[in-house]
Each structure stands twice: as structure tokens, then as C-alpha cells.
Amino acid sequence: MRIAIAGSSGLIGSALARSLRSDGHEVVALVRRPARSAAEVEWDPLRQTVDTAGLDGCTAVVNLSGAGIGDHRWTDAYRREIRDSRVLGTAALAEAVTRLDTPPEVLLCGSAVGYYGDTGDRAVDESAPPGDGFLPNVCVEWEEAAAPAEEAGIRTVFARTGLVVSREGGAWARLFPLFRAGLGGRLGDGRQYWSFISHHDEVAALRHILDTPALSGPVNCTAPSPATNREITAAMGRLLHRPTLLPVPGALLGLALGDMSSDILGSQRALPTKLLSSHFTFAFPTITQSLTAALARH
């Protein structure tokens, strides 16, 4: 297959590209500069321009681009960047694929379990409504931006991804050094659920979605057993042989992280119902297995 990926330099996109290429597929990277070869396609997500000629012959288009959620404090300007980088980019690609003489079979768009907001102890699957707040609102707009592709009859999937357990990027790349230094502890009361997924299983789930025509709409890319922050903290301490006795007070998180702290202290217990019903098998279904896999990865 020939597969175009936006966000191919990111934590998930780069691993997906390597996985596809290792199986003999042709990967085309969307880049924000003039293309230097047939393996690149120029686009500008904020200006909503795409060189559609470079997408000709693509069986699938994958959009994993977007400004990092935890990269900066959430100033008004950065909130706009988080929103626009996702919504405008998705809208540009969704419209672009409808203009192709032979559209791709599938448009796979990134999304997040932030869609559900704070669910407390309540487990939610893909049928649950959106929550309230900044991130749920962004996720709703993000997914709605793909409407042109859906209306054109292109199979459109939204990978609602949880926290990816990896030493190479994302939230866990910041957590591992803290815990190694003996500075790790539960956040707030530690009762909030974190819907996580191992790096390996995230890539495998995206491959499974691409290869499974029956999957469309939202698909939760999360491990089948969400864990509380307290349970995750204990597992990190055991595996790294470090104490985890001192909690990080919610008030201190608020001072350090601003508005983003409400999402870290919030609880999301998302279940991968569609993946499981489509016979996807998780290699690392528990938090201990996911952490062990991340620590073993070089």
C-alpha cells in the first residue's frame, strides 16, 4: 500500500512509518516545506493547503499532527495553537482527499480520550457523549472537521488515544526521569483513572484500524484495564526501585501547570470496546506490562 502520514516525525507517527515500511509499504510524509522527493507531500495545515497531486495512489491517509498538549502552559495563544493545529489540519486533509480522482480507502485521524472529559469512576466506551471543558471541545471540533471525507463515503476513523507509555516522548518521557530521581509520587489523591496504552500497542492498533474495513468512527486506543494514578505510581516505584511516598498536592499542580492541571487531575476510564470486538489483541494490556516494555526499549 501507499500511505500518507501527517505528523510522521512525532512519537507515534515515526513509529507507525517505520512499522509500515518494514512490511514493504510505501510511506509518504506530509511536510511543511517544499517536497524534496516523491516520498514527501507539501502541506500547510494552518493555511489549509495540501499538494493533492502527491496523494494520488494513496490507499490510506493518516493525520497524527497537532501541537503538543503538555509542551507549554496553556496561555490563550497556546490554546488556539492546540485547537487550530488539529482542527484546521484535519479539515484541510478531509477536503483534499475528496478532490482526488481515486480517493483513499480510509482517512485515519488522531483524536484523544480527552473527548470524554472527567468521567470519574464511570467506564466509557466509544458510544459515550463528549464531556465539558477545553479538551473535550477541541476533540469534538477535531472530529467534526473530517466531515467532508465522511460525506464523500470515505471510511473515516478517529483514534481516541490515551496516554502512550514510552520513554521516547509524551507525558511518560517526563515521568520516568522524575521517578528515577526518587521524586515521583501520586498526583492529588491518586484516585483518578489514567487510560494508557503501550507504545507498541498504539502502533499495532493503528495498523489494525487501517487493515480492518469494519472499523469506522471513533475507536478508543487504550489498554483494556485503565489504572488509577495511585496504582500507576506504585507500579513505577516497584519497577524503578524508588520510593513514591510523597504526593504532589493538587494546589501545587495548579500553580505549576495552570489550567492543564484540571485535566491531569481529572479521571478518564476509557475502554477499547471496538478494538476488542474486532479481535485486536493487546501485547501489553496492563500498566506493569506496558511500563516494563517501555523500560526495556532502547
C-alpha atoms as a PDB file:
ATOM      1  CA  MET A   1       0.000   0.000   0.000  1.00  0.00           C
ATOM      2  CA  ARG A   2       0.908   3.643  -0.382  1.00  0.00           C
ATOM      3  CA  ILE A   3       0.095   5.506   2.822  1.00  0.00           C
ATOM      4  CA  ALA A   4       0.408   9.227   3.531  1.00  0.00           C
ATOM      5  CA  ILE A   5       1.126  10.312   7.115  1.00  0.00           C
ATOM      6  CA  ALA A   6       0.847  13.797   8.581  1.00  0.00           C
ATOM      7  CA  GLY A   7       2.800  14.003  11.818  1.00  0.00           C
ATOM      8  CA  SER A   8       5.293  11.360  10.682  1.00  0.00           C
ATOM      9  CA  SER A   9       8.098  12.879  12.788  1.00  0.00           C
ATOM     10  CA  GLY A  10       6.201  12.579  16.072  1.00  0.00           C
ATOM     11  CA  LEU A  11       6.334   9.841  18.699  1.00  0.00           C
ATOM     12  CA  ILE A  12       3.525   7.781  17.192  1.00  0.00           C
ATOM     13  CA  GLY A  13       3.819   8.834  13.547  1.00  0.00           C
ATOM     14  CA  SER A  14       7.509   7.963  13.258  1.00  0.00           C
ATOM     15  CA  ALA A  15       6.954   4.529  14.803  1.00  0.00           C
ATOM     16  CA  LEU A  16       3.962   3.886  12.524  1.00  0.00           C
ATOM     17  CA  ALA A  17       6.011   4.880   9.472  1.00  0.00           C
ATOM     18  CA  ARG A  18       8.837   2.504  10.470  1.00  0.00           C
ATOM     19  CA  SER A  19       6.379  -0.324  11.053  1.00  0.00           C
ATOM     20  CA  LEU A  20       4.718   0.161   7.673  1.00  0.00           C
ATOM     21  CA  ARG A  21       7.997   0.431   5.790  1.00  0.00           C
ATOM     22  CA  SER A  22       9.341  -2.702   7.476  1.00  0.00           C
ATOM     23  CA  ASP A  23       6.424  -4.595   5.942  1.00  0.00           C
ATOM     24  CA  GLY A  24       7.125  -3.232   2.478  1.00  0.00           C
ATOM     25  CA  HIS A  25       4.545  -0.442   2.331  1.00  0.00           C
ATOM     26  CA  GLU A  26       5.350   2.915   0.753  1.00  0.00           C
ATOM     27  CA  VAL A  27       5.062   5.809   3.204  1.00  0.00           C
ATOM     28  CA  VAL A  28       4.609   9.388   2.067  1.00  0.00           C
ATOM     29  CA  ALA A  29       5.313  12.093   4.665  1.00  0.00           C
ATOM     30  CA  LEU A  30       3.377  15.354   4.694  1.00  0.00           C
ATOM     31  CA  VAL A  31       5.878  18.159   5.332  1.00  0.00           C
ATOM     32  CA  ARG A  32       5.548  21.904   5.925  1.00  0.00           C
ATOM     33  CA  ARG A  33       8.142  22.884   3.312  1.00  0.00           C
ATOM     34  CA  PRO A  34       8.659  22.148  -0.379  1.00  0.00           C
ATOM     35  CA  ALA A  35       8.776  18.389  -1.025  1.00  0.00           C
ATOM     36  CA  ARG A  36      12.266  17.074  -1.734  1.00  0.00           C
ATOM     37  CA  SER A  37      11.278  13.708  -3.189  1.00  0.00           C
ATOM     38  CA  ALA A  38       8.315  11.564  -4.216  1.00  0.00           C
ATOM     39  CA  ALA A  39       8.195  10.367  -0.602  1.00  0.00           C
ATOM     40  CA  GLU A  40       7.059  13.800   0.587  1.00  0.00           C
ATOM     41  CA  VAL A  41       3.965  15.946   0.105  1.00  0.00           C
ATOM     42  CA  GLU A  42       3.914  19.644   0.939  1.00  0.00           C
ATOM     43  CA  TRP A  43       1.095  20.988   3.080  1.00  0.00           C
ATOM     44  CA  ASP A  44       0.317  23.872   5.398  1.00  0.00           C
ATOM     45  CA  PRO A  45      -2.291  22.839   7.961  1.00  0.00           C
ATOM     46  CA  LEU A  46      -2.905  26.355   9.287  1.00  0.00           C
ATOM     47  CA  ARG A  47      -3.417  27.795   5.796  1.00  0.00           C
ATOM     48  CA  GLN A  48      -5.302  24.618   4.892  1.00  0.00           C
ATOM     49  CA  THR A  49      -3.361  23.886   1.728  1.00  0.00           C
ATOM     50  CA  VAL A  50      -2.355  20.421   0.506  1.00  0.00           C
ATOM     51  CA  ASP A  51      -0.496  19.396  -2.660  1.00  0.00           C
ATOM     52  CA  THR A  52      -3.120  16.854  -3.651  1.00  0.00           C
ATOM     53  CA  ALA A  53      -1.030  15.532  -6.553  1.00  0.00           C
ATOM     54  CA  GLY A  54       1.270  13.923  -4.010  1.00  0.00           C
ATOM     55  CA  LEU A  55      -1.634  11.990  -2.512  1.00  0.00           C
ATOM     56  CA  ASP A  56      -2.501  10.251  -5.785  1.00  0.00           C
ATOM     57  CA  GLY A  57      -2.401   6.490  -5.409  1.00  0.00           C
ATOM     58  CA  CYS A  58      -2.582   6.525  -1.606  1.00  0.00           C
ATOM     59  CA  THR A  59      -4.670   3.724  -0.142  1.00  0.00           C
ATOM     60  CA  ALA A  60      -4.812   5.477   3.212  1.00  0.00           C
ATOM     61  CA  VAL A  61      -4.186   8.937   4.665  1.00  0.00           C
ATOM     62  CA  VAL A  62      -3.261   9.223   8.357  1.00  0.00           C
ATOM     63  CA  ASN A  63      -3.357  12.517  10.255  1.00  0.00           C
ATOM     64  CA  LEU A  64      -1.451  12.492  13.561  1.00  0.00           C
ATOM     65  CA  SER A  65      -0.346  16.128  13.527  1.00  0.00           C
ATOM     66  CA  GLY A  66      -1.037  18.639  16.283  1.00  0.00           C
ATOM     67  CA  ALA A  67       0.697  20.867  18.822  1.00  0.00           C
ATOM     68  CA  GLY A  68       1.775  19.043  21.976  1.00  0.00           C
ATOM     69  CA  ILE A  69      -0.752  19.158  24.808  1.00  0.00           C
ATOM     70  CA  GLY A  70       1.894  19.230  27.534  1.00  0.00           C
ATOM     71  CA  ASP A  71       4.597  21.215  25.763  1.00  0.00           C
ATOM     72  CA  HIS A  72       3.689  24.652  27.140  1.00  0.00           C
ATOM     73  CA  ARG A  73       1.474  26.373  29.684  1.00  0.00           C
ATOM     74  CA  TRP A  74      -1.997  26.907  28.309  1.00  0.00           C
ATOM     75  CA  THR A  75      -1.970  30.599  27.546  1.00  0.00           C
ATOM     76  CA  ASP A  76      -4.761  31.863  25.313  1.00  0.00           C
ATOM     77  CA  ALA A  77      -2.335  31.817  22.393  1.00  0.00           C
ATOM     78  CA  TYR A  78      -1.274  28.230  23.021  1.00  0.00           C
ATOM     79  CA  ARG A  79      -4.872  27.119  23.415  1.00  0.00           C
ATOM     80  CA  ARG A  80      -5.507  28.492  19.920  1.00  0.00           C
ATOM     81  CA  GLU A  81      -2.464  26.618  18.630  1.00  0.00           C
ATOM     82  CA  ILE A  82      -3.630  23.343  20.198  1.00  0.00           C
ATOM     83  CA  ARG A  83      -7.063  23.780  18.630  1.00  0.00           C
ATOM     84  CA  ASP A  84      -6.060  25.165  15.218  1.00  0.00           C
ATOM     85  CA  SER A  85      -3.238  22.698  14.584  1.00  0.00           C
ATOM     86  CA  ARG A  86      -5.762  19.861  14.923  1.00  0.00           C
ATOM     87  CA  VAL A  87      -8.978  21.257  13.523  1.00  0.00           C
ATOM     88  CA  LEU A  88      -7.587  23.163  10.557  1.00  0.00           C
ATOM     89  CA  GLY A  89      -5.178  20.389   9.575  1.00  0.00           C
ATOM     90  CA  THR A  90      -7.884  17.741   9.673  1.00  0.00           C
ATOM     91  CA  ALA A  91     -10.257  19.936   7.669  1.00  0.00           C
ATOM     92  CA  ALA A  92      -7.569  20.513   5.026  1.00  0.00           C
ATOM     93  CA  LEU A  93      -6.865  16.802   4.589  1.00  0.00           C
ATOM     94  CA  ALA A  94     -10.520  15.799   4.668  1.00  0.00           C
ATOM     95  CA  GLU A  95     -11.299  18.256   1.903  1.00  0.00           C
ATOM     96  CA  ALA A  96      -8.177  17.361  -0.079  1.00  0.00           C
ATOM     97  CA  VAL A  97      -8.914  13.626  -0.274  1.00  0.00           C
ATOM     98  CA  THR A  98     -12.370  14.339  -1.701  1.00  0.00           C
ATOM     99  CA  ARG A  99     -10.750  16.111  -4.662  1.00  0.00           C
ATOM    100  CA  LEU A 100      -8.711  13.080  -5.717  1.00  0.00           C
ATOM    101  CA  ASP A 101      -9.794  11.120  -8.801  1.00  0.00           C
ATOM    102  CA  THR A 102      -9.330   7.960  -6.757  1.00  0.00           C
ATOM    103  CA  PRO A 103      -9.854   8.797  -3.077  1.00  0.00           C
ATOM    104  CA  PRO A 104      -8.109   6.719  -0.384  1.00  0.00           C
ATOM    105  CA  GLU A 105      -9.994   3.831   1.152  1.00  0.00           C
ATOM    106  CA  VAL A 106      -9.565   5.252   4.654  1.00  0.00           C
ATOM    107  CA  LEU A 107      -8.806   8.513   6.429  1.00  0.00           C
ATOM    108  CA  LEU A 108      -7.428   7.768   9.892  1.00  0.00           C
ATOM    109  CA  CYS A 109      -7.466  10.829  12.131  1.00  0.00           C
ATOM    110  CA  GLY A 110      -5.884  11.255  15.518  1.00  0.00           C
ATOM    111  CA  SER A 111      -8.114  12.157  18.444  1.00  0.00           C
ATOM    112  CA  ALA A 112      -7.903  11.642  22.202  1.00  0.00           C
ATOM    113  CA  VAL A 113      -9.743  10.225  25.197  1.00  0.00           C
ATOM    114  CA  GLY A 114      -9.885  13.829  26.328  1.00  0.00           C
ATOM    115  CA  TYR A 115     -13.117  13.758  24.310  1.00  0.00           C
ATOM    116  CA  TYR A 116     -14.922  12.262  27.319  1.00  0.00           C
ATOM    117  CA  GLY A 117     -13.826  14.835  29.886  1.00  0.00           C
ATOM    118  CA  ASP A 118     -13.743  13.795  33.536  1.00  0.00           C
ATOM    119  CA  THR A 119     -15.673  10.508  33.852  1.00  0.00           C
ATOM    120  CA  GLY A 120     -14.736   9.750  37.460  1.00  0.00           C
ATOM    121  CA  ASP A 121     -15.095   6.028  38.211  1.00  0.00           C
ATOM    122  CA  ARG A 122     -17.526   5.539  35.324  1.00  0.00           C
ATOM    123  CA  ALA A 123     -16.196   3.447  32.454  1.00  0.00           C
ATOM    124  CA  VAL A 124     -16.905   4.828  28.972  1.00  0.00           C
ATOM    125  CA  ASP A 125     -16.593   3.389  25.502  1.00  0.00           C
ATOM    126  CA  GLU A 126     -16.958   4.917  22.049  1.00  0.00           C
ATOM    127  CA  SER A 127     -20.714   5.392  22.476  1.00  0.00           C
ATOM    128  CA  ALA A 128     -20.305   7.887  25.344  1.00  0.00           C
ATOM    129  CA  PRO A 129     -21.067  11.577  24.757  1.00  0.00           C
ATOM    130  CA  PRO A 130     -18.390  14.274  24.940  1.00  0.00           C
ATOM    131  CA  GLY A 131     -17.512  15.906  28.248  1.00  0.00           C
ATOM    132  CA  ASP A 132     -17.249  19.567  29.124  1.00  0.00           C
ATOM    133  CA  GLY A 133     -14.168  21.759  29.003  1.00  0.00           C
ATOM    134  CA  PHE A 134     -11.378  22.840  26.708  1.00  0.00           C
ATOM    135  CA  LEU A 135     -10.033  19.443  25.642  1.00  0.00           C
ATOM    136  CA  PRO A 136     -13.448  17.820  25.044  1.00  0.00           C
ATOM    137  CA  ASN A 137     -14.449  20.830  22.945  1.00  0.00           C
ATOM    138  CA  VAL A 138     -11.240  20.598  20.917  1.00  0.00           C
ATOM    139  CA  CYS A 139     -11.799  16.868  20.330  1.00  0.00           C
ATOM    140  CA  VAL A 140     -15.364  17.456  19.159  1.00  0.00           C
ATOM    141  CA  GLU A 141     -14.248  20.096  16.654  1.00  0.00           C
ATOM    142  CA  TRP A 142     -11.272  17.938  15.648  1.00  0.00           C
ATOM    143  CA  GLU A 143     -13.503  15.021  14.697  1.00  0.00           C
ATOM    144  CA  GLU A 144     -16.199  17.178  13.104  1.00  0.00           C
ATOM    145  CA  ALA A 145     -13.547  18.672  10.799  1.00  0.00           C
ATOM    146  CA  ALA A 146     -13.334  15.344   8.954  1.00  0.00           C
ATOM    147  CA  ALA A 147     -16.968  15.601   7.817  1.00  0.00           C
ATOM    148  CA  PRO A 148     -16.153  16.191   4.101  1.00  0.00           C
ATOM    149  CA  ALA A 149     -14.408  12.814   3.892  1.00  0.00           C
ATOM    150  CA  GLU A 150     -17.225  11.025   5.712  1.00  0.00           C
ATOM    151  CA  GLU A 151     -19.844  12.659   3.485  1.00  0.00           C
ATOM    152  CA  ALA A 152     -17.864  11.574   0.410  1.00  0.00           C
ATOM    153  CA  GLY A 153     -18.137   7.946   1.534  1.00  0.00           C
ATOM    154  CA  ILE A 154     -14.510   7.545   2.623  1.00  0.00           C
ATOM    155  CA  ARG A 155     -14.125   5.289   5.655  1.00  0.00           C
ATOM    156  CA  THR A 156     -13.162   7.745   8.386  1.00  0.00           C
ATOM    157  CA  VAL A 157     -11.790   6.666  11.767  1.00  0.00           C
ATOM    158  CA  PHE A 158     -10.908   8.704  14.856  1.00  0.00           C
ATOM    159  CA  ALA A 159      -8.233   7.080  17.020  1.00  0.00           C
ATOM    160  CA  ARG A 160      -9.073   8.351  20.507  1.00  0.00           C
ATOM    161  CA  THR A 161      -5.701   7.681  22.082  1.00  0.00           C
ATOM    162  CA  GLY A 162      -4.886   7.589  25.786  1.00  0.00           C
ATOM    163  CA  LEU A 163      -1.543   8.290  27.465  1.00  0.00           C
ATOM    164  CA  VAL A 164       1.139   6.483  25.454  1.00  0.00           C
ATOM    165  CA  VAL A 165       3.634   4.714  27.731  1.00  0.00           C
ATOM    166  CA  SER A 166       7.034   5.480  26.237  1.00  0.00           C
ATOM    167  CA  ARG A 167      10.426   6.793  27.322  1.00  0.00           C
ATOM    168  CA  GLU A 168      10.799   8.493  23.939  1.00  0.00           C
ATOM    169  CA  GLY A 169       8.155  11.186  24.183  1.00  0.00           C
ATOM    170  CA  GLY A 170       4.835  12.299  25.595  1.00  0.00           C
ATOM    171  CA  ALA A 171       3.926  12.543  29.272  1.00  0.00           C
ATOM    172  CA  TRP A 172       5.796   9.406  30.299  1.00  0.00           C
ATOM    173  CA  ALA A 173       9.085  10.699  28.914  1.00  0.00           C
ATOM    174  CA  ARG A 174       8.826  13.337  31.678  1.00  0.00           C
ATOM    175  CA  LEU A 175       7.619  10.945  34.357  1.00  0.00           C
ATOM    176  CA  PHE A 176      10.389   8.353  34.064  1.00  0.00           C
ATOM    177  CA  PRO A 177      13.264  10.751  34.960  1.00  0.00           C
ATOM    178  CA  LEU A 178      11.311  12.105  37.953  1.00  0.00           C
ATOM    179  CA  PHE A 179      10.681   8.643  39.324  1.00  0.00           C
ATOM    180  CA  ARG A 180      14.286   7.564  38.697  1.00  0.00           C
ATOM    181  CA  ALA A 181      15.370  10.534  40.775  1.00  0.00           C
ATOM    182  CA  GLY A 182      13.082   9.426  43.599  1.00  0.00           C
ATOM    183  CA  LEU A 183      10.812  12.435  43.095  1.00  0.00           C
ATOM    184  CA  GLY A 184       7.781  10.550  41.837  1.00  0.00           C
ATOM    185  CA  GLY A 185       4.523  10.457  43.735  1.00  0.00           C
ATOM    186  CA  ARG A 186       0.807  10.273  43.159  1.00  0.00           C
ATOM    187  CA  LEU A 187      -0.880  13.381  41.774  1.00  0.00           C
ATOM    188  CA  GLY A 188      -3.512  14.781  44.091  1.00  0.00           C
ATOM    189  CA  ASP A 189      -5.419  11.976  45.802  1.00  0.00           C
ATOM    190  CA  GLY A 190      -4.324   9.494  43.112  1.00  0.00           C
ATOM    191  CA  ARG A 191      -7.825   8.146  42.582  1.00  0.00           C
ATOM    192  CA  GLN A 192      -8.178   9.480  39.041  1.00  0.00           C
ATOM    193  CA  TYR A 193      -8.083   6.904  36.264  1.00  0.00           C
ATOM    194  CA  TRP A 194      -5.499   7.192  33.517  1.00  0.00           C
ATOM    195  CA  SER A 195      -6.372   5.486  30.244  1.00  0.00           C
ATOM    196  CA  PHE A 196      -2.989   4.385  28.940  1.00  0.00           C
ATOM    197  CA  ILE A 197      -1.635   2.301  26.068  1.00  0.00           C
ATOM    198  CA  SER A 198       1.848   0.934  25.417  1.00  0.00           C
ATOM    199  CA  HIS A 199       3.791   2.461  22.542  1.00  0.00           C
ATOM    200  CA  HIS A 200       3.862  -0.932  20.819  1.00  0.00           C
ATOM    201  CA  ASP A 201       0.107  -1.452  21.136  1.00  0.00           C
ATOM    202  CA  GLU A 202      -0.676   2.065  19.905  1.00  0.00           C
ATOM    203  CA  VAL A 203       1.162   1.426  16.642  1.00  0.00           C
ATOM    204  CA  ALA A 204      -0.345  -2.052  16.362  1.00  0.00           C
ATOM    205  CA  ALA A 205      -3.827  -0.626  16.949  1.00  0.00           C
ATOM    206  CA  LEU A 206      -3.374   1.944  14.176  1.00  0.00           C
ATOM    207  CA  ARG A 207      -2.192  -0.807  11.826  1.00  0.00           C
ATOM    208  CA  HIS A 208      -5.227  -2.885  12.826  1.00  0.00           C
ATOM    209  CA  ILE A 209      -7.570   0.035  12.102  1.00  0.00           C
ATOM    210  CA  LEU A 210      -6.042   0.529   8.658  1.00  0.00           C
ATOM    211  CA  ASP A 211      -6.462  -3.177   7.887  1.00  0.00           C
ATOM    212  CA  THR A 212      -9.999  -3.604   9.263  1.00  0.00           C
ATOM    213  CA  PRO A 213     -12.689  -2.216   6.928  1.00  0.00           C
ATOM    214  CA  ALA A 214     -15.413  -2.796   9.537  1.00  0.00           C
ATOM    215  CA  LEU A 215     -13.924  -0.137  11.833  1.00  0.00           C
ATOM    216  CA  SER A 216     -15.144   3.417  11.361  1.00  0.00           C
ATOM    217  CA  GLY A 217     -15.954   6.412  13.519  1.00  0.00           C
ATOM    218  CA  PRO A 218     -14.362   6.708  16.978  1.00  0.00           C
ATOM    219  CA  VAL A 219     -12.086   3.914  18.202  1.00  0.00           C
ATOM    220  CA  ASN A 220     -10.583   4.085  21.699  1.00  0.00           C
ATOM    221  CA  CYS A 221      -6.861   3.296  21.537  1.00  0.00           C
ATOM    222  CA  THR A 222      -6.404   2.477  25.206  1.00  0.00           C
ATOM    223  CA  ALA A 223      -5.395  -0.624  27.139  1.00  0.00           C
ATOM    224  CA  PRO A 224      -8.333  -2.745  28.391  1.00  0.00           C
ATOM    225  CA  SER A 225      -7.540  -2.133  32.074  1.00  0.00           C
ATOM    226  CA  PRO A 226      -7.286   1.599  32.902  1.00  0.00           C
ATOM    227  CA  ALA A 227      -5.379   2.147  36.140  1.00  0.00           C
ATOM    228  CA  THR A 228      -5.625   4.817  38.796  1.00  0.00           C
ATOM    229  CA  ASN A 229      -2.812   7.291  39.239  1.00  0.00           C
ATOM    230  CA  ARG A 230      -2.180   5.700  42.649  1.00  0.00           C
ATOM    231  CA  GLU A 231      -1.766   2.244  41.026  1.00  0.00           C
ATOM    232  CA  ILE A 232       0.473   3.629  38.301  1.00  0.00           C
ATOM    233  CA  THR A 233       2.635   5.451  40.843  1.00  0.00           C
ATOM    234  CA  ALA A 234       3.072   2.230  42.844  1.00  0.00           C
ATOM    235  CA  ALA A 235       3.991   0.269  39.697  1.00  0.00           C
ATOM    236  CA  MET A 236       6.558   2.896  38.677  1.00  0.00           C
ATOM    237  CA  GLY A 237       8.138   2.766  42.124  1.00  0.00           C
ATOM    238  CA  ARG A 238       8.352  -1.046  42.084  1.00  0.00           C
ATOM    239  CA  LEU A 239       9.901  -1.277  38.631  1.00  0.00           C
ATOM    240  CA  LEU A 240      12.383   1.552  39.197  1.00  0.00           C
ATOM    241  CA  HIS A 241      13.122   0.598  42.824  1.00  0.00           C
ATOM    242  CA  ARG A 242      12.423   4.113  44.048  1.00  0.00           C
ATOM    243  CA  PRO A 243      10.225   5.478  46.860  1.00  0.00           C
ATOM    244  CA  THR A 244       6.906   7.056  45.912  1.00  0.00           C
ATOM    245  CA  LEU A 245       5.773   8.266  49.308  1.00  0.00           C
ATOM    246  CA  LEU A 246       5.279  11.988  48.767  1.00  0.00           C
ATOM    247  CA  PRO A 247       2.155  13.023  46.849  1.00  0.00           C
ATOM    248  CA  VAL A 248       2.101  16.126  44.671  1.00  0.00           C
ATOM    249  CA  PRO A 249      -0.685  18.355  46.064  1.00  0.00           C
ATOM    250  CA  GLY A 250      -3.373  19.452  43.646  1.00  0.00           C
ATOM    251  CA  ALA A 251      -2.816  23.112  44.592  1.00  0.00           C
ATOM    252  CA  LEU A 252       0.872  22.858  43.663  1.00  0.00           C
ATOM    253  CA  LEU A 253      -0.036  21.272  40.324  1.00  0.00           C
ATOM    254  CA  GLY A 254      -2.380  24.141  39.675  1.00  0.00           C
ATOM    255  CA  LEU A 255       0.389  26.639  40.369  1.00  0.00           C
ATOM    256  CA  ALA A 256       2.869  24.795  38.133  1.00  0.00           C
ATOM    257  CA  LEU A 257       0.619  23.794  35.264  1.00  0.00           C
ATOM    258  CA  GLY A 258      -2.198  26.313  35.265  1.00  0.00           C
ATOM    259  CA  ASP A 259      -5.429  25.212  33.582  1.00  0.00           C
ATOM    260  CA  MET A 260      -3.823  21.991  32.321  1.00  0.00           C
ATOM    261  CA  SER A 261      -3.755  20.658  35.900  1.00  0.00           C
ATOM    262  CA  SER A 262      -7.520  20.072  35.845  1.00  0.00           C
ATOM    263  CA  ASP A 263      -7.056  17.575  33.013  1.00  0.00           C
ATOM    264  CA  ILE A 264      -4.190  15.778  34.780  1.00  0.00           C
ATOM    265  CA  LEU A 265      -6.194  15.532  37.994  1.00  0.00           C
ATOM    266  CA  GLY A 266      -9.326  14.544  36.056  1.00  0.00           C
ATOM    267  CA  SER A 267     -10.305  10.910  35.615  1.00  0.00           C
ATOM    268  CA  GLN A 268     -10.869   9.117  32.306  1.00  0.00           C
ATOM    269  CA  ARG A 269     -11.731   5.429  32.376  1.00  0.00           C
ATOM    270  CA  ALA A 270     -11.985   4.716  28.652  1.00  0.00           C
ATOM    271  CA  LEU A 271     -12.415   1.151  27.370  1.00  0.00           C
ATOM    272  CA  PRO A 272     -11.338  -0.107  23.913  1.00  0.00           C
ATOM    273  CA  THR A 273     -14.636  -1.783  23.087  1.00  0.00           C
ATOM    274  CA  LYS A 274     -14.329  -1.519  19.308  1.00  0.00           C
ATOM    275  CA  LEU A 275     -10.753  -2.805  19.211  1.00  0.00           C
ATOM    276  CA  LEU A 276     -11.632  -5.809  21.348  1.00  0.00           C
ATOM    277  CA  SER A 277     -14.791  -6.616  19.391  1.00  0.00           C
ATOM    278  CA  SER A 278     -12.762  -6.533  16.161  1.00  0.00           C
ATOM    279  CA  HIS A 279     -10.379  -9.160  17.606  1.00  0.00           C
ATOM    280  CA  PHE A 280      -7.417  -6.900  18.306  1.00  0.00           C
ATOM    281  CA  THR A 281      -5.001  -8.460  20.798  1.00  0.00           C
ATOM    282  CA  PHE A 282      -3.017  -6.274  23.174  1.00  0.00           C
ATOM    283  CA  ALA A 283       0.598  -7.327  23.659  1.00  0.00           C
ATOM    284  CA  PHE A 284       0.880  -5.296  26.895  1.00  0.00           C
ATOM    285  CA  PRO A 285      -2.620  -4.992  28.412  1.00  0.00           C
ATOM    286  CA  THR A 286      -1.649  -3.994  31.983  1.00  0.00           C
ATOM    287  CA  ILE A 287       0.218  -0.993  33.327  1.00  0.00           C
ATOM    288  CA  THR A 288       3.042  -3.161  34.690  1.00  0.00           C
ATOM    289  CA  GLN A 289       3.494  -4.834  31.302  1.00  0.00           C
ATOM    290  CA  SER A 290       3.382  -1.507  29.486  1.00  0.00           C
ATOM    291  CA  LEU A 291       5.927   0.067  31.814  1.00  0.00           C
ATOM    292  CA  THR A 292       8.223  -2.953  31.583  1.00  0.00           C
ATOM    293  CA  ALA A 293       8.066  -2.823  27.781  1.00  0.00           C
ATOM    294  CA  ALA A 294       8.922   0.892  27.806  1.00  0.00           C
ATOM    295  CA  LEU A 295      11.884   0.390  30.135  1.00  0.00           C
ATOM    296  CA  ALA A 296      13.200  -2.480  28.000  1.00  0.00           C
ATOM    297  CA  ARG A 297      13.016  -0.431  24.804  1.00  0.00           C
ATOM    298  CA  HIS A 298      16.336   1.022  23.619  1.00  0.00           C
END
